[in-house]
Amino acid sequence: MSQNKIVMVQDKKIALVAHDNKKRDLLEWAMYNRDLLAHHEVYATGTTGETLGKQLGLKIKKLQSGPLGGDQQIGAKIVNNEIDFLIFFWDPLEPQPHDPDVKALLRMAVVWNIPIACNRATADFMISSPLMEGEYNRLLPDYNEYKTRNIDWGLKSGNSR
């Protein structure tokens, strides 16, 4: 499959998400990295965005709460190239009522080849990477082959309902 290049500009579009038991960890991480985050466009879901905005004094683009569609909003922004990477401190030990949405969000990040940090250590490595300081060419499979493939629907003429 051929590939396309998607240019991530110097000022990245970062989505911050955290499950309830991980919100404090994300807030501490964001406060520690406030000056780095200030150079980027930051999105966040629900109460995470509200709290981050107040505590950091930064403009946060707030979306719905995760269970109310915020995870899906971020997934849509990933598909539309409006998010460059995702920092999602999720709680693997607590069942989530919107678990299918969480799985879909993580899937979109992988399908569209954006970096994902699911814990503090990975987020530290990502935000401190030299790649954060300039443009980056993200390689993306050319999905046109997938979208234009011929599918045998198994329909015979005259049998429509």
Protein backbone atom coordinates (compact mmCIF):
# COMPACT_ATOMS: atom_id res chain seq x y z
CA MET A 1 0.00 0.00 0.00
CA SER A 2 1.35 3.41 -0.92
CA GLN A 3 1.68 6.16 1.67
CA ASN A 4 0.81 9.83 2.00
CA LYS A 5 2.64 12.42 4.08
CA ILE A 6 0.68 14.52 6.53
CA VAL A 7 2.66 17.50 7.80
CA MET A 8 2.41 18.24 11.50
CA VAL A 9 3.34 21.90 11.87
CA GLN A 10 5.50 23.24 14.68
CA ASP A 11 2.51 24.15 16.85
CA LYS A 12 0.87 20.77 17.40
CA LYS A 13 -2.80 20.06 18.09
CA ILE A 14 -2.84 17.99 21.28
CA ALA A 15 -5.84 16.18 22.79
CA LEU A 16 -5.79 15.56 26.55
CA VAL A 17 -8.17 12.99 28.01
CA ALA A 18 -8.28 11.27 31.40
CA HIS A 19 -10.56 8.84 33.15
CA ASP A 20 -11.75 9.90 36.61
CA ASN A 21 -9.07 7.98 38.53
CA LYS A 22 -6.34 9.46 36.29
CA LYS A 23 -7.44 13.11 36.20
CA ARG A 24 -5.14 14.15 39.04
CA ASP A 25 -2.18 12.46 37.31
CA LEU A 26 -2.96 14.26 34.03
CA LEU A 27 -3.35 17.60 35.83
CA GLU A 28 0.01 17.18 37.60
CA TRP A 29 1.63 16.21 34.30
CA ALA A 30 0.08 19.19 32.50
CA MET A 31 1.12 21.61 35.26
CA TYR A 32 4.70 20.32 35.07
CA ASN A 33 4.63 20.72 31.27
CA ARG A 34 2.59 23.93 31.20
CA ASP A 35 5.20 26.00 29.36
CA LEU A 36 5.57 23.36 26.65
CA LEU A 37 1.79 22.99 26.28
CA ALA A 38 1.40 26.78 26.00
CA HIS A 39 3.04 26.65 22.56
CA HIS A 40 0.44 24.25 21.19
CA GLU A 41 -3.30 24.06 20.57
CA VAL A 42 -4.82 21.98 23.36
CA TYR A 43 -8.14 20.12 23.26
CA ALA A 44 -9.70 18.26 26.17
CA THR A 45 -12.90 16.47 27.06
CA GLY A 46 -15.46 17.58 29.65
CA THR A 47 -14.36 18.31 33.19
CA THR A 48 -10.75 17.57 32.26
CA GLY A 49 -10.78 20.58 29.93
CA GLU A 50 -12.51 22.80 32.46
CA THR A 51 -10.04 21.95 35.23
CA LEU A 52 -6.98 22.21 32.97
CA GLY A 53 -8.06 25.62 31.72
CA LYS A 54 -8.48 26.99 35.25
CA GLN A 55 -5.34 25.44 36.72
CA LEU A 56 -2.99 26.14 33.80
CA GLY A 57 -4.36 29.52 32.75
CA LEU A 58 -4.29 28.31 29.14
CA LYS A 59 -6.97 28.38 26.49
CA ILE A 60 -8.27 24.83 26.25
CA LYS A 61 -10.71 23.88 23.49
CA LYS A 62 -13.31 21.98 25.46
CA LEU A 63 -15.36 19.13 24.03
CA GLN A 64 -18.11 17.01 25.58
CA SER A 65 -17.41 14.64 28.44
CA GLY A 66 -16.13 11.27 27.21
CA PRO A 67 -19.28 9.29 28.02
CA LEU A 68 -21.40 12.03 26.38
CA GLY A 69 -19.54 11.87 23.08
CA GLY A 70 -16.25 13.65 23.76
CA ASP A 71 -14.17 10.59 22.89
CA GLN A 72 -16.00 10.36 19.58
CA GLN A 73 -15.50 14.08 18.95
CA ILE A 74 -11.76 13.63 19.37
CA GLY A 75 -11.84 10.56 17.11
CA ALA A 76 -13.59 12.63 14.43
CA LYS A 77 -10.97 15.37 14.80
CA ILE A 78 -8.23 12.76 14.34
CA VAL A 79 -9.88 11.56 11.12
CA ASN A 80 -10.17 15.18 9.89
CA ASN A 81 -6.49 15.88 10.71
CA GLU A 82 -7.45 18.32 13.47
CA ILE A 83 -5.53 16.44 16.20
CA ASP A 84 -1.82 15.63 15.88
CA PHE A 85 -1.47 13.47 18.95
CA LEU A 86 -3.37 12.08 21.86
CA ILE A 87 -2.51 11.97 25.52
CA PHE A 88 -5.09 9.71 27.12
CA PHE A 89 -4.50 8.66 30.71
CA TRP A 90 -6.97 5.81 30.85
CA ASP A 91 -7.67 3.60 33.81
CA PRO A 92 -7.11 -0.07 32.91
CA LEU A 93 -8.34 -1.28 36.31
CA GLU A 94 -11.74 0.40 36.38
CA PRO A 95 -14.62 -0.65 34.10
CA GLN A 96 -15.88 2.20 31.95
CA PRO A 97 -19.50 2.43 30.77
CA HIS A 98 -18.28 3.98 27.50
CA ASP A 99 -15.53 1.41 26.89
CA PRO A 100 -16.53 0.91 23.21
CA ASP A 101 -16.00 4.65 22.65
CA VAL A 102 -12.57 4.45 24.30
CA LYS A 103 -11.60 1.51 22.10
CA ALA A 104 -12.85 3.36 19.00
CA LEU A 105 -10.81 6.45 19.91
CA LEU A 106 -7.62 4.45 20.39
CA ARG A 107 -8.33 2.62 17.12
CA MET A 108 -8.68 5.91 15.22
CA ALA A 109 -5.35 7.10 16.61
CA VAL A 110 -3.66 3.93 15.30
CA VAL A 111 -5.47 3.92 11.93
CA TRP A 112 -4.48 7.56 11.31
CA ASN A 113 -0.95 7.04 12.71
CA ILE A 114 -0.91 9.68 15.40
CA PRO A 115 1.25 9.31 18.52
CA ILE A 116 -0.61 8.13 21.62
CA ALA A 117 0.49 8.34 25.25
CA CYS A 118 -1.58 6.29 27.64
CA ASN A 119 0.53 6.92 30.74
CA ARG A 120 2.74 9.59 32.26
CA ALA A 121 6.07 8.08 31.23
CA THR A 122 5.10 7.89 27.57
CA ALA A 123 3.64 11.42 27.69
CA ASP A 124 6.96 12.66 29.17
CA PHE A 125 8.92 11.07 26.33
CA MET A 126 6.55 12.42 23.69
CA ILE A 127 6.40 16.02 24.88
CA SER A 128 10.16 16.23 25.42
CA SER A 129 11.02 14.75 22.02
CA PRO A 130 12.99 16.98 19.64
CA LEU A 131 10.25 16.20 17.10
CA MET A 132 7.91 18.49 19.07
CA GLU A 133 9.99 21.53 18.13
CA GLY A 134 9.40 21.56 14.39
CA GLU A 135 7.48 20.12 11.50
CA TYR A 136 7.08 16.37 11.29
CA ASN A 137 6.00 14.31 8.29
CA ARG A 138 3.57 11.70 9.51
CA LEU A 139 3.24 8.80 7.09
CA LEU A 140 -0.25 7.55 6.46
CA PRO A 141 -1.31 4.60 4.33
CA ASP A 142 -3.16 5.68 1.20
CA TYR A 143 -6.65 4.53 2.10
CA ASN A 144 -8.02 5.26 -1.39
CA GLU A 145 -7.31 1.65 -2.36
CA TYR A 146 -9.40 0.53 0.61
CA LYS A 147 -12.21 2.99 -0.09
CA THR A 148 -12.47 2.11 -3.79
CA ARG A 149 -12.17 -1.67 -3.53
CA ASN A 150 -14.82 -3.70 -5.31
CA ILE A 151 -17.09 -5.51 -2.89
CA ASP A 152 -19.31 -8.37 -3.97
CA TRP A 153 -22.56 -7.62 -2.19
CA GLY A 154 -24.05 -10.96 -3.22
CA LEU A 155 -27.11 -9.27 -4.71
CA LYS A 156 -28.82 -10.65 -7.77
CA SER A 157 -30.70 -8.35 -10.05
CA GLY A 158 -34.38 -8.19 -9.36
CA ASN A 159 -34.05 -9.25 -5.68
CA SER A 160 -34.05 -5.80 -4.09
CA ARG A 161 -36.34 -5.07 -1.14
